[in-house]
Amino acid sequence: VLKFYSLQHIPPDRVEQETASLLDEFRTIKLFGSDPQIVRMY
């Protein structure tokens, strides 16, 4: 299962910030590892 975020409708000056925010969220979720209560992100 993949989740695709289209950032094209975000003001250009905020795209870099939103991209960094999404990557931070990804890294945080990965810290939980293989917890059965959390969807695993690869």
All heavy atoms as atom14 arrays in JSON, in Angstrom:
{
  "sequence": "VLKFYSLQHIPPDRVEQETASLLDEFRTIKLFGSDPQIVRMY",
  "atom14_mask": [
    [1, 1, 1, 1, 1, 1, 1, 0, 0, 0, 0, 0, 0, 0],
    [1, 1, 1, 1, 1, 1, 1, 1, 0, 0, 0, 0, 0, 0],
    [1, 1, 1, 1, 1, 1, 1, 1, 1, 0, 0, 0, 0, 0],
    [1, 1, 1, 1, 1, 1, 1, 1, 1, 1, 1, 0, 0, 0],
    [1, 1, 1, 1, 1, 1, 1, 1, 1, 1, 1, 1, 0, 0],
    [1, 1, 1, 1, 1, 1, 0, 0, 0, 0, 0, 0, 0, 0],
    [1, 1, 1, 1, 1, 1, 1, 1, 0, 0, 0, 0, 0, 0],
    [1, 1, 1, 1, 1, 1, 1, 1, 1, 0, 0, 0, 0, 0],
    [1, 1, 1, 1, 1, 1, 1, 1, 1, 1, 0, 0, 0, 0],
    [1, 1, 1, 1, 1, 1, 1, 1, 0, 0, 0, 0, 0, 0],
    [1, 1, 1, 1, 1, 1, 1, 0, 0, 0, 0, 0, 0, 0],
    [1, 1, 1, 1, 1, 1, 1, 0, 0, 0, 0, 0, 0, 0],
    [1, 1, 1, 1, 1, 1, 1, 1, 0, 0, 0, 0, 0, 0],
    [1, 1, 1, 1, 1, 1, 1, 1, 1, 1, 1, 0, 0, 0],
    [1, 1, 1, 1, 1, 1, 1, 0, 0, 0, 0, 0, 0, 0],
    [1, 1, 1, 1, 1, 1, 1, 1, 1, 0, 0, 0, 0, 0],
    [1, 1, 1, 1, 1, 1, 1, 1, 1, 0, 0, 0, 0, 0],
    [1, 1, 1, 1, 1, 1, 1, 1, 1, 0, 0, 0, 0, 0],
    [1, 1, 1, 1, 1, 1, 1, 0, 0, 0, 0, 0, 0, 0],
    [1, 1, 1, 1, 1, 0, 0, 0, 0, 0, 0, 0, 0, 0],
    [1, 1, 1, 1, 1, 1, 0, 0, 0, 0, 0, 0, 0, 0],
    [1, 1, 1, 1, 1, 1, 1, 1, 0, 0, 0, 0, 0, 0],
    [1, 1, 1, 1, 1, 1, 1, 1, 0, 0, 0, 0, 0, 0],
    [1, 1, 1, 1, 1, 1, 1, 1, 0, 0, 0, 0, 0, 0],
    [1, 1, 1, 1, 1, 1, 1, 1, 1, 0, 0, 0, 0, 0],
    [1, 1, 1, 1, 1, 1, 1, 1, 1, 1, 1, 0, 0, 0],
    [1, 1, 1, 1, 1, 1, 1, 1, 1, 1, 1, 0, 0, 0],
    [1, 1, 1, 1, 1, 1, 1, 0, 0, 0, 0, 0, 0, 0],
    [1, 1, 1, 1, 1, 1, 1, 1, 0, 0, 0, 0, 0, 0],
    [1, 1, 1, 1, 1, 1, 1, 1, 1, 0, 0, 0, 0, 0],
    [1, 1, 1, 1, 1, 1, 1, 1, 0, 0, 0, 0, 0, 0],
    [1, 1, 1, 1, 1, 1, 1, 1, 1, 1, 1, 0, 0, 0],
    [1, 1, 1, 1, 0, 0, 0, 0, 0, 0, 0, 0, 0, 0],
    [1, 1, 1, 1, 1, 1, 0, 0, 0, 0, 0, 0, 0, 0],
    [1, 1, 1, 1, 1, 1, 1, 1, 0, 0, 0, 0, 0, 0],
    [1, 1, 1, 1, 1, 1, 1, 0, 0, 0, 0, 0, 0, 0],
    [1, 1, 1, 1, 1, 1, 1, 1, 1, 0, 0, 0, 0, 0],
    [1, 1, 1, 1, 1, 1, 1, 1, 0, 0, 0, 0, 0, 0],
    [1, 1, 1, 1, 1, 1, 1, 0, 0, 0, 0, 0, 0, 0],
    [1, 1, 1, 1, 1, 1, 1, 1, 1, 1, 1, 0, 0, 0],
    [1, 1, 1, 1, 1, 1, 1, 1, 0, 0, 0, 0, 0, 0],
    [1, 1, 1, 1, 1, 1, 1, 1, 1, 1, 1, 1, 0, 0]
  ],
  "atom14_positions": [
    [[0.87, -1.17, 0.0], [0.0, 0.0, 0.0], [0.9, 1.22, 0.0], [1.84, 1.31, 0.78], [-0.94, 0.02, 1.23], [-1.73, 1.31, 1.28], [-1.88, -1.17, 1.17], [0.0, 0.0, 0.0], [0.0, 0.0, 0.0], [0.0, 0.0, 0.0], [0.0, 0.0, 0.0], [0.0, 0.0, 0.0], [0.0, 0.0, 0.0], [0.0, 0.0, 0.0]],
    [[0.62, 2.15, -0.9], [1.38, 3.38, -0.98], [0.47, 4.57, -0.79], [-0.7, 4.54, -1.19], [2.07, 3.5, -2.34], [3.26, 2.56, -2.51], [2.85, 1.4, -3.36], [4.41, 3.3, -3.11], [0.0, 0.0, 0.0], [0.0, 0.0, 0.0], [0.0, 0.0, 0.0], [0.0, 0.0, 0.0], [0.0, 0.0, 0.0], [0.0, 0.0, 0.0]],
    [[1.02, 5.61, -0.19], [0.28, 6.85, 0.01], [1.04, 7.93, -0.72], [2.21, 8.17, -0.46], [0.18, 7.17, 1.5], [-0.8, 8.27, 1.82], [-1.01, 8.32, 3.33], [-2.25, 9.09, 3.67], [-2.52, 9.08, 5.1], [0.0, 0.0, 0.0], [0.0, 0.0, 0.0], [0.0, 0.0, 0.0], [0.0, 0.0, 0.0], [0.0, 0.0, 0.0]],
    [[0.37, 8.57, -1.65], [0.97, 9.58, -2.52], [0.44, 10.95, -2.11], [-0.77, 11.16, -2.1], [0.61, 9.26, -3.97], [1.09, 10.28, -4.96], [2.35, 10.2, -5.51], [0.26, 11.31, -5.36], [2.78, 11.13, -6.42], [0.68, 12.25, -6.28], [1.94, 12.16, -6.81], [0.0, 0.0, 0.0], [0.0, 0.0, 0.0], [0.0, 0.0, 0.0]],
    [[1.33, 11.85, -1.74], [0.96, 13.22, -1.41], [1.36, 14.11, -2.58], [2.53, 14.16, -2.94], [1.72, 13.71, -0.17], [1.4, 13.0, 1.1], [2.1, 11.87, 1.47], [0.4, 13.46, 1.94], [1.81, 11.21, 2.65], [0.11, 12.81, 3.12], [0.82, 11.69, 3.47], [0.54, 11.04, 4.63], [0.0, 0.0, 0.0], [0.0, 0.0, 0.0]],
    [[0.42, 14.8, -3.15], [0.73, 15.76, -4.21], [0.88, 17.13, -3.57], [-0.08, 17.68, -3.04], [-0.39, 15.77, -5.25], [-0.13, 16.79, -6.19], [0.0, 0.0, 0.0], [0.0, 0.0, 0.0], [0.0, 0.0, 0.0], [0.0, 0.0, 0.0], [0.0, 0.0, 0.0], [0.0, 0.0, 0.0], [0.0, 0.0, 0.0], [0.0, 0.0, 0.0]],
    [[2.08, 17.67, -3.64], [2.35, 18.97, -3.04], [2.26, 20.1, -4.06], [2.61, 21.23, -3.77], [3.74, 18.96, -2.39], [3.96, 17.91, -1.3], [5.37, 18.01, -0.75], [2.94, 18.05, -0.19], [0.0, 0.0, 0.0], [0.0, 0.0, 0.0], [0.0, 0.0, 0.0], [0.0, 0.0, 0.0], [0.0, 0.0, 0.0], [0.0, 0.0, 0.0]],
    [[1.76, 19.8, -5.25], [1.74, 20.81, -6.31], [0.77, 21.96, -6.03], [0.9, 23.02, -6.63], [1.42, 20.16, -7.65], [0.02, 19.6, -7.73], [-0.28, 18.97, -9.07], [0.45, 19.2, -10.03], [-1.32, 18.18, -9.15], [0.0, 0.0, 0.0], [0.0, 0.0, 0.0], [0.0, 0.0, 0.0], [0.0, 0.0, 0.0], [0.0, 0.0, 0.0]],
    [[-0.18, 21.79, -5.13], [-1.15, 22.85, -4.85], [-0.72, 23.7, -3.65], [-1.45, 24.58, -3.23], [-2.54, 22.26, -4.6], [-3.07, 21.57, -5.81], [-3.61, 22.25, -6.87], [-3.11, 20.27, -6.15], [-3.97, 21.4, -7.81], [-3.68, 20.18, -7.39], [0.0, 0.0, 0.0], [0.0, 0.0, 0.0], [0.0, 0.0, 0.0], [0.0, 0.0, 0.0]],
    [[0.46, 23.44, -3.14], [0.99, 24.2, -2.01], [1.76, 25.39, -2.59], [2.44, 25.25, -3.6], [1.91, 23.32, -1.16], [1.09, 22.2, -0.55], [2.63, 24.12, -0.09], [1.91, 21.18, 0.17], [0.0, 0.0, 0.0], [0.0, 0.0, 0.0], [0.0, 0.0, 0.0], [0.0, 0.0, 0.0], [0.0, 0.0, 0.0], [0.0, 0.0, 0.0]],
    [[1.69, 26.54, -1.95], [2.48, 27.68, -2.44], [3.95, 27.28, -2.57], [4.5, 26.61, -1.7], [2.29, 28.74, -1.35], [1.01, 28.38, -0.68], [0.91, 26.88, -0.75], [0.0, 0.0, 0.0], [0.0, 0.0, 0.0], [0.0, 0.0, 0.0], [0.0, 0.0, 0.0], [0.0, 0.0, 0.0], [0.0, 0.0, 0.0], [0.0, 0.0, 0.0]],
    [[4.59, 27.68, -3.66], [5.98, 27.26, -3.93], [6.94, 27.52, -2.78], [7.86, 26.73, -2.55], [6.37, 28.09, -5.17], [5.07, 28.41, -5.83], [4.05, 28.52, -4.73], [0.0, 0.0, 0.0], [0.0, 0.0, 0.0], [0.0, 0.0, 0.0], [0.0, 0.0, 0.0], [0.0, 0.0, 0.0], [0.0, 0.0, 0.0], [0.0, 0.0, 0.0]],
    [[6.73, 28.57, -2.03], [7.65, 28.87, -0.93], [7.48, 27.93, 0.26], [8.28, 27.94, 1.18], [7.49, 30.33, -0.48], [6.09, 30.64, 0.04], [5.11, 30.06, -0.48], [5.97, 31.46, 0.98], [0.0, 0.0, 0.0], [0.0, 0.0, 0.0], [0.0, 0.0, 0.0], [0.0, 0.0, 0.0], [0.0, 0.0, 0.0], [0.0, 0.0, 0.0]],
    [[6.44, 27.07, 0.24], [6.22, 26.14, 1.34], [6.49, 24.68, 0.98], [6.44, 23.81, 1.84], [4.77, 26.28, 1.84], [4.56, 27.62, 2.53], [3.28, 27.7, 3.33], [3.0, 26.51, 4.09], [1.79, 25.92, 4.13], [0.77, 26.43, 3.48], [1.6, 24.84, 4.84], [0.0, 0.0, 0.0], [0.0, 0.0, 0.0], [0.0, 0.0, 0.0]],
    [[6.76, 24.39, -0.28], [6.96, 22.99, -0.72], [8.13, 22.34, 0.0], [8.02, 21.21, 0.48], [7.13, 22.91, -2.25], [7.59, 21.53, -2.68], [5.83, 23.28, -2.95], [0.0, 0.0, 0.0], [0.0, 0.0, 0.0], [0.0, 0.0, 0.0], [0.0, 0.0, 0.0], [0.0, 0.0, 0.0], [0.0, 0.0, 0.0], [0.0, 0.0, 0.0]],
    [[9.25, 23.04, 0.1], [10.42, 22.47, 0.76], [10.11, 22.15, 2.23], [10.47, 21.1, 2.74], [11.59, 23.44, 0.67], [12.9, 22.83, 1.12], [14.07, 23.77, 0.86], [14.1, 24.44, -0.18], [14.95, 23.81, 1.74], [0.0, 0.0, 0.0], [0.0, 0.0, 0.0], [0.0, 0.0, 0.0], [0.0, 0.0, 0.0], [0.0, 0.0, 0.0]],
    [[9.41, 23.05, 2.89], [9.03, 22.85, 4.29], [8.09, 21.66, 4.44], [8.25, 20.84, 5.35], [8.36, 24.12, 4.82], [7.83, 24.0, 6.22], [7.03, 25.23, 6.63], [6.95, 26.21, 5.91], [6.4, 25.15, 7.79], [0.0, 0.0, 0.0], [0.0, 0.0, 0.0], [0.0, 0.0, 0.0], [0.0, 0.0, 0.0], [0.0, 0.0, 0.0]],
    [[7.1, 21.54, 3.55], [6.16, 20.41, 3.61], [6.87, 19.09, 3.32], [6.59, 18.08, 3.96], [5.01, 20.62, 2.62], [4.04, 21.68, 3.03], [3.23, 21.31, 4.27], [2.97, 20.11, 4.5], [2.86, 22.23, 5.0], [0.0, 0.0, 0.0], [0.0, 0.0, 0.0], [0.0, 0.0, 0.0], [0.0, 0.0, 0.0], [0.0, 0.0, 0.0]],
    [[7.8, 19.09, 2.37], [8.55, 17.87, 2.06], [9.36, 17.44, 3.28], [9.37, 16.26, 3.64], [9.48, 18.11, 0.85], [8.68, 18.48, -0.27], [10.26, 16.86, 0.5], [0.0, 0.0, 0.0], [0.0, 0.0, 0.0], [0.0, 0.0, 0.0], [0.0, 0.0, 0.0], [0.0, 0.0, 0.0], [0.0, 0.0, 0.0], [0.0, 0.0, 0.0]],
    [[10.04, 18.38, 3.91], [10.83, 18.07, 5.11], [9.93, 17.54, 6.22], [10.29, 16.6, 6.93], [11.58, 19.31, 5.57], [0.0, 0.0, 0.0], [0.0, 0.0, 0.0], [0.0, 0.0, 0.0], [0.0, 0.0, 0.0], [0.0, 0.0, 0.0], [0.0, 0.0, 0.0], [0.0, 0.0, 0.0], [0.0, 0.0, 0.0], [0.0, 0.0, 0.0]],
    [[8.74, 18.12, 6.36], [7.79, 17.68, 7.38], [7.33, 16.24, 7.13], [7.25, 15.43, 8.06], [6.6, 18.63, 7.41], [5.66, 18.22, 8.35], [0.0, 0.0, 0.0], [0.0, 0.0, 0.0], [0.0, 0.0, 0.0], [0.0, 0.0, 0.0], [0.0, 0.0, 0.0], [0.0, 0.0, 0.0], [0.0, 0.0, 0.0], [0.0, 0.0, 0.0]],
    [[7.04, 15.91, 5.88], [6.63, 14.54, 5.54], [7.75, 13.55, 5.83], [7.52, 12.46, 6.35], [6.22, 14.45, 4.08], [4.86, 15.05, 3.73], [4.7, 15.14, 2.22], [3.74, 14.22, 4.33], [0.0, 0.0, 0.0], [0.0, 0.0, 0.0], [0.0, 0.0, 0.0], [0.0, 0.0, 0.0], [0.0, 0.0, 0.0], [0.0, 0.0, 0.0]],
    [[8.99, 13.92, 5.51], [10.12, 13.04, 5.77], [10.36, 12.88, 7.27], [10.71, 11.79, 7.74], [11.38, 13.54, 5.07], [11.35, 13.39, 3.55], [12.55, 14.07, 2.91], [11.27, 11.94, 3.14], [0.0, 0.0, 0.0], [0.0, 0.0, 0.0], [0.0, 0.0, 0.0], [0.0, 0.0, 0.0], [0.0, 0.0, 0.0], [0.0, 0.0, 0.0]],
    [[10.17, 13.94, 8.04], [10.28, 13.83, 9.5], [9.23, 12.87, 10.06], [9.52, 12.06, 10.93], [10.12, 15.2, 10.17], [11.34, 16.07, 10.04], [12.42, 15.54, 9.7], [11.22, 17.3, 10.26], [0.0, 0.0, 0.0], [0.0, 0.0, 0.0], [0.0, 0.0, 0.0], [0.0, 0.0, 0.0], [0.0, 0.0, 0.0], [0.0, 0.0, 0.0]],
    [[8.01, 12.98, 9.54], [6.94, 12.08, 9.97], [7.31, 10.63, 9.65], [7.13, 9.73, 10.46], [5.63, 12.47, 9.27], [4.45, 11.63, 9.67], [3.18, 12.09, 8.98], [2.97, 13.29, 8.83], [2.39, 11.2, 8.6], [0.0, 0.0, 0.0], [0.0, 0.0, 0.0], [0.0, 0.0, 0.0], [0.0, 0.0, 0.0], [0.0, 0.0, 0.0]],
    [[7.83, 10.4, 8.45], [8.26, 9.06, 8.03], [9.32, 8.51, 8.99], [9.22, 7.39, 9.47], [8.8, 9.13, 6.59], [9.51, 7.88, 6.15], [8.8, 6.73, 5.84], [10.9, 7.85, 6.05], [9.46, 5.59, 5.43], [11.55, 6.71, 5.64], [10.84, 5.58, 5.33], [0.0, 0.0, 0.0], [0.0, 0.0, 0.0], [0.0, 0.0, 0.0]],
    [[10.33, 9.32, 9.3], [11.41, 8.88, 10.2], [10.88, 8.57, 11.6], [11.3, 7.61, 12.23], [12.49, 9.95, 10.27], [13.31, 10.05, 9.02], [14.44, 11.07, 9.16], [14.97, 11.41, 7.87], [14.71, 12.54, 7.21], [13.93, 13.46, 7.73], [15.23, 12.75, 6.02], [0.0, 0.0, 0.0], [0.0, 0.0, 0.0], [0.0, 0.0, 0.0]],
    [[9.95, 9.38, 12.07], [9.37, 9.15, 13.4], [8.61, 7.83, 13.44], [8.77, 7.03, 14.36], [8.43, 10.31, 13.79], [9.19, 11.52, 13.8], [7.8, 10.08, 15.14], [0.0, 0.0, 0.0], [0.0, 0.0, 0.0], [0.0, 0.0, 0.0], [0.0, 0.0, 0.0], [0.0, 0.0, 0.0], [0.0, 0.0, 0.0], [0.0, 0.0, 0.0]],
    [[7.79, 7.57, 12.43], [7.02, 6.32, 12.39], [7.96, 5.13, 12.29], [7.74, 4.1, 12.92], [6.0, 6.35, 11.23], [4.92, 7.39, 11.53], [5.37, 4.97, 11.01], [3.97, 7.67, 10.39], [0.0, 0.0, 0.0], [0.0, 0.0, 0.0], [0.0, 0.0, 0.0], [0.0, 0.0, 0.0], [0.0, 0.0, 0.0], [0.0, 0.0, 0.0]],
    [[9.06, 5.25, 11.54], [10.02, 4.15, 11.42], [10.67, 3.81, 12.75], [11.1, 2.68, 12.97], [11.09, 4.49, 10.39], [10.52, 4.4, 9.0], [11.43, 3.98, 7.92], [12.38, 2.91, 8.15], [12.27, 1.76, 7.31], [0.0, 0.0, 0.0], [0.0, 0.0, 0.0], [0.0, 0.0, 0.0], [0.0, 0.0, 0.0], [0.0, 0.0, 0.0]],
    [[10.75, 4.77, 13.68], [11.34, 4.52, 14.99], [10.57, 3.45, 15.78], [11.13, 2.8, 16.65], [11.4, 5.8, 15.82], [12.37, 6.88, 15.35], [12.22, 8.14, 16.2], [13.81, 6.37, 15.41], [0.0, 0.0, 0.0], [0.0, 0.0, 0.0], [0.0, 0.0, 0.0], [0.0, 0.0, 0.0], [0.0, 0.0, 0.0], [0.0, 0.0, 0.0]],
    [[9.29, 3.29, 15.47], [8.47, 2.31, 16.17], [8.76, 0.89, 15.7], [8.3, -0.07, 16.31], [6.99, 2.63, 16.0], [6.57, 3.87, 16.73], [6.44, 5.06, 16.05], [6.32, 3.84, 18.09], [6.06, 6.22, 16.72], [5.94, 4.98, 18.77], [5.81, 6.18, 18.08], [0.0, 0.0, 0.0], [0.0, 0.0, 0.0], [0.0, 0.0, 0.0]],
    [[9.52, 0.74, 14.63], [9.92, -0.58, 14.14], [8.74, -1.46, 13.79], [7.86, -1.08, 13.04], [0.0, 0.0, 0.0], [0.0, 0.0, 0.0], [0.0, 0.0, 0.0], [0.0, 0.0, 0.0], [0.0, 0.0, 0.0], [0.0, 0.0, 0.0], [0.0, 0.0, 0.0], [0.0, 0.0, 0.0], [0.0, 0.0, 0.0], [0.0, 0.0, 0.0]],
    [[8.71, -2.65, 14.37], [7.69, -3.64, 14.0], [6.58, -3.73, 15.03], [6.02, -4.8, 15.23], [8.35, -5.0, 13.79], [8.99, -5.39, 14.99], [0.0, 0.0, 0.0], [0.0, 0.0, 0.0], [0.0, 0.0, 0.0], [0.0, 0.0, 0.0], [0.0, 0.0, 0.0], [0.0, 0.0, 0.0], [0.0, 0.0, 0.0], [0.0, 0.0, 0.0]],
    [[6.25, -2.66, 15.68], [5.13, -2.64, 16.63], [3.86, -3.08, 15.9], [3.5, -2.5, 14.88], [4.96, -1.23, 17.2], [3.92, -1.18, 18.31], [2.79, -1.68, 18.09], [4.23, -0.63, 19.37], [0.0, 0.0, 0.0], [0.0, 0.0, 0.0], [0.0, 0.0, 0.0], [0.0, 0.0, 0.0], [0.0, 0.0, 0.0], [0.0, 0.0, 0.0]],
    [[3.16, -4.11, 16.39], [1.98, -4.62, 15.67], [0.81, -3.63, 15.63], [-0.11, -3.81, 14.84], [1.6, -5.88, 16.45], [2.22, -5.7, 17.8], [3.44, -4.86, 17.6], [0.0, 0.0, 0.0], [0.0, 0.0, 0.0], [0.0, 0.0, 0.0], [0.0, 0.0, 0.0], [0.0, 0.0, 0.0], [0.0, 0.0, 0.0], [0.0, 0.0, 0.0]],
    [[0.85, -2.59, 16.43], [-0.25, -1.61, 16.45], [-0.04, -0.47, 15.45], [-0.9, 0.39, 15.31], [-0.38, -1.01, 17.86], [-0.66, -2.04, 18.93], [-1.97, -2.77, 18.7], [-2.97, -2.16, 18.37], [-1.95, -4.08, 18.86], [0.0, 0.0, 0.0], [0.0, 0.0, 0.0], [0.0, 0.0, 0.0], [0.0, 0.0, 0.0], [0.0, 0.0, 0.0]],
    [[1.09, -0.46, 14.78], [1.43, 0.64, 13.87], [1.72, 0.09, 12.49], [2.44, -0.9, 12.33], [2.64, 1.43, 14.4], [2.28, 2.04, 15.76], [3.06, 2.51, 13.42], [3.41, 2.7, 16.46], [0.0, 0.0, 0.0], [0.0, 0.0, 0.0], [0.0, 0.0, 0.0], [0.0, 0.0, 0.0], [0.0, 0.0, 0.0], [0.0, 0.0, 0.0]],
    [[1.19, 0.73, 11.47], [1.45, 0.33, 10.09], [2.94, 0.5, 9.83], [3.52, 1.54, 10.12], [0.64, 1.18, 9.1], [1.03, 0.87, 7.67], [-0.85, 0.95, 9.31], [0.0, 0.0, 0.0], [0.0, 0.0, 0.0], [0.0, 0.0, 0.0], [0.0, 0.0, 0.0], [0.0, 0.0, 0.0], [0.0, 0.0, 0.0], [0.0, 0.0, 0.0]],
    [[3.56, -0.52, 9.3], [5.0, -0.48, 9.04], [5.29, 0.32, 7.78], [4.63, 0.16, 6.77], [5.52, -1.91, 8.87], [7.0, -1.96, 8.71], [7.59, -2.96, 9.65], [9.03, -2.86, 9.58], [9.83, -3.87, 9.39], [9.32, -5.08, 9.27], [11.11, -3.7, 9.36], [0.0, 0.0, 0.0], [0.0, 0.0, 0.0], [0.0, 0.0, 0.0]],
    [[6.27, 1.19, 7.85], [6.67, 1.99, 6.7], [8.04, 1.5, 6.25], [8.94, 1.31, 7.06], [6.72, 3.47, 7.08], [5.35, 3.98, 7.46], [5.3, 5.73, 7.78], [5.66, 6.4, 6.18], [0.0, 0.0, 0.0], [0.0, 0.0, 0.0], [0.0, 0.0, 0.0], [0.0, 0.0, 0.0], [0.0, 0.0, 0.0], [0.0, 0.0, 0.0]],
    [[8.19, 1.31, 4.96], [9.42, 0.78, 4.43], [10.26, 1.82, 3.71], [11.48, 1.76, 3.74], [9.13, -0.38, 3.46], [8.56, -1.59, 4.16], [7.2, -1.78, 4.23], [9.39, -2.51, 4.76], [6.67, -2.88, 4.89], [8.88, -3.61, 5.42], [7.51, -3.79, 5.48], [7.0, -4.86, 6.13], [0.0, 0.0, 0.0], [0.0, 0.0, 0.0]]
  ]
}
